[in-house]
């Protein structure tokens, strides 16, 4: 049940974050806290945001043709 809550809330947060340009982690934080607890939520969300930002960087480089 908690996995489906996280998937749904992350999808909604990513839609809003994609439209607005920021705030995805702020929207996702309450759902992650409800599922895994406050002590674990911050590291989990930090790693998820790091992976998301690295993938955006890689996709941006591939799209722009940067071969460095």
C-alpha atoms as a PDB file:
ATOM      1  CA  UNK A   1       0.000   0.000   0.000  1.00  0.00           C
ATOM      2  CA  UNK A   2       2.747   2.457   0.893  1.00  0.00           C
ATOM      3  CA  UNK A   3       4.527   1.776  -2.402  1.00  0.00           C
ATOM      4  CA  UNK A   4       1.420   2.732  -4.370  1.00  0.00           C
ATOM      5  CA  UNK A   5       1.067   5.912  -2.302  1.00  0.00           C
ATOM      6  CA  UNK A   6       4.688   6.831  -3.027  1.00  0.00           C
ATOM      7  CA  UNK A   7       4.346   6.103  -6.751  1.00  0.00           C
ATOM      8  CA  UNK A   8       1.148   8.123  -7.081  1.00  0.00           C
ATOM      9  CA  UNK A   9       2.423  11.045  -5.020  1.00  0.00           C
ATOM     10  CA  UNK A  10       5.743  11.119  -6.885  1.00  0.00           C
ATOM     11  CA  UNK A  11       3.890  11.155 -10.211  1.00  0.00           C
ATOM     12  CA  UNK A  12       1.717  14.075  -9.103  1.00  0.00           C
ATOM     13  CA  UNK A  13       4.707  15.922  -7.630  1.00  0.00           C
ATOM     14  CA  UNK A  14       6.686  15.439 -10.834  1.00  0.00           C
ATOM     15  CA  UNK A  15       3.798  16.769 -12.939  1.00  0.00           C
ATOM     16  CA  UNK A  16       3.549  19.886 -10.808  1.00  0.00           C
ATOM     17  CA  UNK A  17       7.317  20.281 -10.612  1.00  0.00           C
ATOM     18  CA  UNK A  18       7.637  19.916 -14.381  1.00  0.00           C
ATOM     19  CA  UNK A  19       4.989  22.559 -14.996  1.00  0.00           C
ATOM     20  CA  UNK A  20       6.245  25.033 -12.409  1.00  0.00           C
ATOM     21  CA  UNK A  21       9.960  24.216 -12.550  1.00  0.00           C
ATOM     22  CA  UNK A  22      10.623  23.642  -8.836  1.00  0.00           C
ATOM     23  CA  UNK A  23       9.120  22.261  -5.639  1.00  0.00           C
ATOM     24  CA  UNK A  24       8.909  18.543  -6.380  1.00  0.00           C
ATOM     25  CA  UNK A  25      10.756  17.496  -3.239  1.00  0.00           C
ATOM     26  CA  UNK A  26       8.689  19.815  -1.039  1.00  0.00           C
ATOM     27  CA  UNK A  27       5.500  18.251  -2.374  1.00  0.00           C
ATOM     28  CA  UNK A  28       6.850  14.716  -2.007  1.00  0.00           C
ATOM     29  CA  UNK A  29       8.278  15.083   1.513  1.00  0.00           C
ATOM     30  CA  UNK A  30       4.984  14.578   3.450  1.00  0.00           C
ATOM     31  CA  UNK A  31       4.202  11.366   1.555  1.00  0.00           C
ATOM     32  CA  UNK A  32       7.695   9.984   2.148  1.00  0.00           C
ATOM     33  CA  UNK A  33       7.485  10.872   5.852  1.00  0.00           C
ATOM     34  CA  UNK A  34       4.125   9.086   6.107  1.00  0.00           C
ATOM     35  CA  UNK A  35       5.552   5.946   4.497  1.00  0.00           C
ATOM     36  CA  UNK A  36       9.055   5.605   5.964  1.00  0.00           C
ATOM     37  CA  UNK A  37       9.210   7.972   8.938  1.00  0.00           C
ATOM     38  CA  UNK A  38      10.865  11.322   9.483  1.00  0.00           C
ATOM     39  CA  UNK A  39      14.386  10.066  10.230  1.00  0.00           C
ATOM     40  CA  UNK A  40      14.585   8.053   7.025  1.00  0.00           C
ATOM     41  CA  UNK A  41      12.653  10.430   4.770  1.00  0.00           C
ATOM     42  CA  UNK A  42      15.324  13.098   4.365  1.00  0.00           C
ATOM     43  CA  UNK A  43      18.136  10.762   3.215  1.00  0.00           C
ATOM     44  CA  UNK A  44      15.769   8.823   0.941  1.00  0.00           C
ATOM     45  CA  UNK A  45      14.460  11.992  -0.669  1.00  0.00           C
ATOM     46  CA  UNK A  46      17.960  13.444  -0.994  1.00  0.00           C
ATOM     47  CA  UNK A  47      19.209  10.372  -2.865  1.00  0.00           C
ATOM     48  CA  UNK A  48      16.107  10.339  -5.070  1.00  0.00           C
ATOM     49  CA  UNK A  49      16.574  14.010  -5.954  1.00  0.00           C
ATOM     50  CA  UNK A  50      20.271  13.465  -6.659  1.00  0.00           C
ATOM     51  CA  UNK A  51      19.499  10.615  -9.054  1.00  0.00           C
ATOM     52  CA  UNK A  52      16.774  12.668 -10.726  1.00  0.00           C
ATOM     53  CA  UNK A  53      19.034  15.671 -11.202  1.00  0.00           C
ATOM     54  CA  UNK A  54      21.869  13.533 -12.574  1.00  0.00           C
ATOM     55  CA  UNK A  55      19.509  11.933 -15.077  1.00  0.00           C
ATOM     56  CA  UNK A  56      18.271  15.371 -16.169  1.00  0.00           C
ATOM     57  CA  UNK A  57      21.855  16.439 -16.684  1.00  0.00           C
ATOM     58  CA  UNK A  58      22.603  13.330 -18.761  1.00  0.00           C
ATOM     59  CA  UNK A  59      19.466  13.752 -20.874  1.00  0.00           C
ATOM     60  CA  UNK A  60      20.266  17.419 -21.407  1.00  0.00           C
ATOM     61  CA  UNK A  61      23.767  16.620 -22.564  1.00  0.00           C
ATOM     62  CA  UNK A  62      22.512  13.921 -24.915  1.00  0.00           C
ATOM     63  CA  UNK A  63      19.867  16.242 -26.327  1.00  0.00           C
ATOM     64  CA  UNK A  64      22.301  19.113 -26.876  1.00  0.00           C
ATOM     65  CA  UNK A  65      24.958  16.868 -28.399  1.00  0.00           C
ATOM     66  CA  UNK A  66      27.635  17.678 -25.839  1.00  0.00           C
ATOM     67  CA  UNK A  67      30.308  14.971 -26.099  1.00  0.00           C
ATOM     68  CA  UNK A  68      32.583  15.935 -23.218  1.00  0.00           C
END
